[in-house]
Amino acid sequence: MAVHHGGKVGKAAKTLAKKSSGKPAKSSAGTTLAKHKAEHHSK
């Protein structure tokens, strides 16, 4: 799968990839990514 750079999804992915980001940040980033995946990559 292509890696997203920039935009909301790319930012969320970067947040999850960074070890230093806190749990609340990771939680919302994960939600953003999950939503995106469901909408665009489910087919």
PDB file of N, CA and C in Angstrom:
ATOM      1  N   MET A   1       0.838  -1.200   0.000  1.00  0.00           N
ATOM      2  CA  MET A   1       0.000   0.000   0.000  1.00  0.00           C
ATOM      3  C   MET A   1       0.873   1.250   0.000  1.00  0.00           C
ATOM      4  N   ALA A   2       0.412   2.260  -0.697  1.00  0.00           N
ATOM      5  CA  ALA A   2       1.167   3.506  -0.775  1.00  0.00           C
ATOM      6  C   ALA A   2       1.235   4.195   0.578  1.00  0.00           C
ATOM      7  N   VAL A   3       2.363   4.843   0.837  1.00  0.00           N
ATOM      8  CA  VAL A   3       2.510   5.600   2.071  1.00  0.00           C
ATOM      9  C   VAL A   3       2.028   7.019   1.829  1.00  0.00           C
ATOM     10  N   HIS A   4       1.203   7.514   2.734  1.00  0.00           N
ATOM     11  CA  HIS A   4       0.663   8.852   2.574  1.00  0.00           C
ATOM     12  C   HIS A   4       1.600   9.885   3.172  1.00  0.00           C
ATOM     13  N   HIS A   5       1.875  10.913   2.403  1.00  0.00           N
ATOM     14  CA  HIS A   5       2.681  12.013   2.910  1.00  0.00           C
ATOM     15  C   HIS A   5       1.855  13.278   2.844  1.00  0.00           C
ATOM     16  N   GLY A   6       1.827  13.993   3.932  1.00  0.00           N
ATOM     17  CA  GLY A   6       1.071  15.239   3.946  1.00  0.00           C
ATOM     18  C   GLY A   6      -0.406  14.988   4.134  1.00  0.00           C
ATOM     19  N   GLY A   7      -1.145  16.031   4.431  1.00  0.00           N
ATOM     20  CA  GLY A   7      -2.578  15.881   4.644  1.00  0.00           C
ATOM     21  C   GLY A   7      -2.862  15.264   6.002  1.00  0.00           C
ATOM     22  N   LYS A   8      -4.136  15.094   6.280  1.00  0.00           N
ATOM     23  CA  LYS A   8      -4.577  14.606   7.583  1.00  0.00           C
ATOM     24  C   LYS A   8      -4.108  13.171   7.838  1.00  0.00           C
ATOM     25  N   VAL A   9      -4.229  12.343   6.816  1.00  0.00           N
ATOM     26  CA  VAL A   9      -3.887  10.928   6.971  1.00  0.00           C
ATOM     27  C   VAL A   9      -2.390  10.738   7.160  1.00  0.00           C
ATOM     28  N   GLY A  10      -1.600  11.478   6.400  1.00  0.00           N
ATOM     29  CA  GLY A  10      -0.149  11.395   6.513  1.00  0.00           C
ATOM     30  C   GLY A  10       0.323  11.826   7.892  1.00  0.00           C
ATOM     31  N   LYS A  11      -0.305  12.878   8.400  1.00  0.00           N
ATOM     32  CA  LYS A  11       0.050  13.384   9.725  1.00  0.00           C
ATOM     33  C   LYS A  11      -0.280  12.332  10.787  1.00  0.00           C
ATOM     34  N   ALA A  12      -1.432  11.683  10.631  1.00  0.00           N
ATOM     35  CA  ALA A  12      -1.843  10.651  11.578  1.00  0.00           C
ATOM     36  C   ALA A  12      -0.862   9.485  11.553  1.00  0.00           C
ATOM     37  N   ALA A  13      -0.443   9.102  10.356  1.00  0.00           N
ATOM     38  CA  ALA A  13       0.499   7.993  10.219  1.00  0.00           C
ATOM     39  C   ALA A  13       1.824   8.328  10.876  1.00  0.00           C
ATOM     40  N   LYS A  14       2.276   9.553  10.680  1.00  0.00           N
ATOM     41  CA  LYS A  14       3.540   9.985  11.286  1.00  0.00           C
ATOM     42  C   LYS A  14       3.444   9.982  12.806  1.00  0.00           C
ATOM     43  N   THR A  15       2.293  10.413  13.326  1.00  0.00           N
ATOM     44  CA  THR A  15       2.079  10.439  14.775  1.00  0.00           C
ATOM     45  C   THR A  15       2.174   9.028  15.347  1.00  0.00           C
ATOM     46  N   LEU A  16       1.566   8.075  14.652  1.00  0.00           N
ATOM     47  CA  LEU A  16       1.597   6.701  15.127  1.00  0.00           C
ATOM     48  C   LEU A  16       3.000   6.121  15.035  1.00  0.00           C
ATOM     49  N   ALA A  17       3.741   6.515  14.012  1.00  0.00           N
ATOM     50  CA  ALA A  17       5.075   5.963  13.795  1.00  0.00           C
ATOM     51  C   ALA A  17       6.077   6.490  14.813  1.00  0.00           C
ATOM     52  N   LYS A  18       5.827   7.705  15.300  1.00  0.00           N
ATOM     53  CA  LYS A  18       6.748   8.312  16.261  1.00  0.00           C
ATOM     54  C   LYS A  18       6.580   7.695  17.643  1.00  0.00           C
ATOM     55  N   LYS A  19       7.691   7.277  18.231  1.00  0.00           N
ATOM     56  CA  LYS A  19       7.614   6.654  19.555  1.00  0.00           C
ATOM     57  C   LYS A  19       7.309   7.684  20.639  1.00  0.00           C
ATOM     58  N   SER A  20       7.662   8.948  20.361  1.00  0.00           N
ATOM     59  CA  SER A  20       7.536   9.977  21.387  1.00  0.00           C
ATOM     60  C   SER A  20       6.122  10.525  21.545  1.00  0.00           C
ATOM     61  N   SER A  21       5.247  10.258  20.587  1.00  0.00           N
ATOM     62  CA  SER A  21       3.896  10.809  20.705  1.00  0.00           C
ATOM     63  C   SER A  21       3.128  10.122  21.827  1.00  0.00           C
ATOM     64  N   GLY A  22       2.353  10.935  22.544  1.00  0.00           N
ATOM     65  CA  GLY A  22       1.624  10.426  23.700  1.00  0.00           C
ATOM     66  C   GLY A  22       0.419   9.586  23.323  1.00  0.00           C
ATOM     67  N   LYS A  23      -0.171   8.954  24.326  1.00  0.00           N
ATOM     68  CA  LYS A  23      -1.303   8.058  24.077  1.00  0.00           C
ATOM     69  C   LYS A  23      -2.530   8.764  23.490  1.00  0.00           C
ATOM     70  N   PRO A  24      -2.929   9.931  23.996  1.00  0.00           N
ATOM     71  CA  PRO A  24      -4.103  10.592  23.408  1.00  0.00           C
ATOM     72  C   PRO A  24      -3.894  10.927  21.932  1.00  0.00           C
ATOM     73  N   ALA A  25      -2.698  11.381  21.606  1.00  0.00           N
ATOM     74  CA  ALA A  25      -2.388  11.707  20.216  1.00  0.00           C
ATOM     75  C   ALA A  25      -2.463  10.460  19.348  1.00  0.00           C
ATOM     76  N   LYS A  26      -1.887   9.374  19.848  1.00  0.00           N
ATOM     77  CA  LYS A  26      -1.900   8.113  19.101  1.00  0.00           C
ATOM     78  C   LYS A  26      -3.323   7.609  18.915  1.00  0.00           C
ATOM     79  N   SER A  27      -4.142   7.806  19.937  1.00  0.00           N
ATOM     80  CA  SER A  27      -5.516   7.328  19.874  1.00  0.00           C
ATOM     81  C   SER A  27      -6.293   8.014  18.759  1.00  0.00           C
ATOM     82  N   SER A  28      -6.198   9.353  18.708  1.00  0.00           N
ATOM     83  CA  SER A  28      -6.940  10.067  17.673  1.00  0.00           C
ATOM     84  C   SER A  28      -6.337   9.816  16.302  1.00  0.00           C
ATOM     85  N   ALA A  29      -5.026   9.647  16.236  1.00  0.00           N
ATOM     86  CA  ALA A  29      -4.378   9.356  14.965  1.00  0.00           C
ATOM     87  C   ALA A  29      -4.837   7.994  14.449  1.00  0.00           C
ATOM     88  N   GLY A  30      -4.941   7.050  15.345  1.00  0.00           N
ATOM     89  CA  GLY A  30      -5.390   5.711  14.967  1.00  0.00           C
ATOM     90  C   GLY A  30      -6.809   5.730  14.443  1.00  0.00           C
ATOM     91  N   THR A  31      -7.654   6.519  15.073  1.00  0.00           N
ATOM     92  CA  THR A  31      -9.039   6.648  14.637  1.00  0.00           C
ATOM     93  C   THR A  31      -9.104   7.241  13.233  1.00  0.00           C
ATOM     94  N   THR A  32      -8.312   8.289  13.019  1.00  0.00           N
ATOM     95  CA  THR A  32      -8.268   8.928  11.699  1.00  0.00           C
ATOM     96  C   THR A  32      -7.853   7.926  10.634  1.00  0.00           C
ATOM     97  N   LEU A  33      -6.799   7.161  10.920  1.00  0.00           N
ATOM     98  CA  LEU A  33      -6.311   6.190   9.951  1.00  0.00           C
ATOM     99  C   LEU A  33      -7.326   5.078   9.703  1.00  0.00           C
ATOM    100  N   ALA A  34      -7.951   4.608  10.758  1.00  0.00           N
ATOM    101  CA  ALA A  34      -8.930   3.535  10.628  1.00  0.00           C
ATOM    102  C   ALA A  34     -10.100   3.980   9.758  1.00  0.00           C
ATOM    103  N   LYS A  35     -10.552   5.216   9.996  1.00  0.00           N
ATOM    104  CA  LYS A  35     -11.656   5.771   9.210  1.00  0.00           C
ATOM    105  C   LYS A  35     -11.275   5.861   7.743  1.00  0.00           C
ATOM    106  N   HIS A  36     -10.077   6.361   7.495  1.00  0.00           N
ATOM    107  CA  HIS A  36      -9.596   6.521   6.121  1.00  0.00           C
ATOM    108  C   HIS A  36      -9.505   5.171   5.430  1.00  0.00           C
ATOM    109  N   LYS A  37      -8.974   4.200   6.160  1.00  0.00           N
ATOM    110  CA  LYS A  37      -8.809   2.873   5.599  1.00  0.00           C
ATOM    111  C   LYS A  37     -10.167   2.271   5.231  1.00  0.00           C
ATOM    112  N   ALA A  38     -11.131   2.437   6.119  1.00  0.00           N
ATOM    113  CA  ALA A  38     -12.465   1.896   5.885  1.00  0.00           C
ATOM    114  C   ALA A  38     -13.102   2.552   4.653  1.00  0.00           C
ATOM    115  N   GLU A  39     -12.892   3.845   4.525  1.00  0.00           N
ATOM    116  CA  GLU A  39     -13.522   4.569   3.413  1.00  0.00           C
ATOM    117  C   GLU A  39     -12.844   4.318   2.072  1.00  0.00           C
ATOM    118  N   HIS A  40     -11.521   4.260   2.073  1.00  0.00           N
ATOM    119  CA  HIS A  40     -10.803   4.241   0.799  1.00  0.00           C
ATOM    120  C   HIS A  40     -10.143   2.928   0.423  1.00  0.00           C
ATOM    121  N   HIS A  41      -9.930   2.051   1.376  1.00  0.00           N
ATOM    122  CA  HIS A  41      -9.176   0.840   1.059  1.00  0.00           C
ATOM    123  C   HIS A  41      -9.951  -0.440   1.343  1.00  0.00           C
ATOM    124  N   SER A  42     -11.257  -0.340   1.441  1.00  0.00           N
ATOM    125  CA  SER A  42     -12.022  -1.536   1.809  1.00  0.00           C
ATOM    126  C   SER A  42     -12.379  -2.393   0.597  1.00  0.00           C
ATOM    127  N   LYS A  43     -12.290  -1.822  -0.590  1.00  0.00           N
ATOM    128  CA  LYS A  43     -12.667  -2.582  -1.799  1.00  0.00           C
ATOM    129  C   LYS A  43     -11.578  -3.557  -2.218  1.00  0.00           C
TER     130      LYS A  43
END
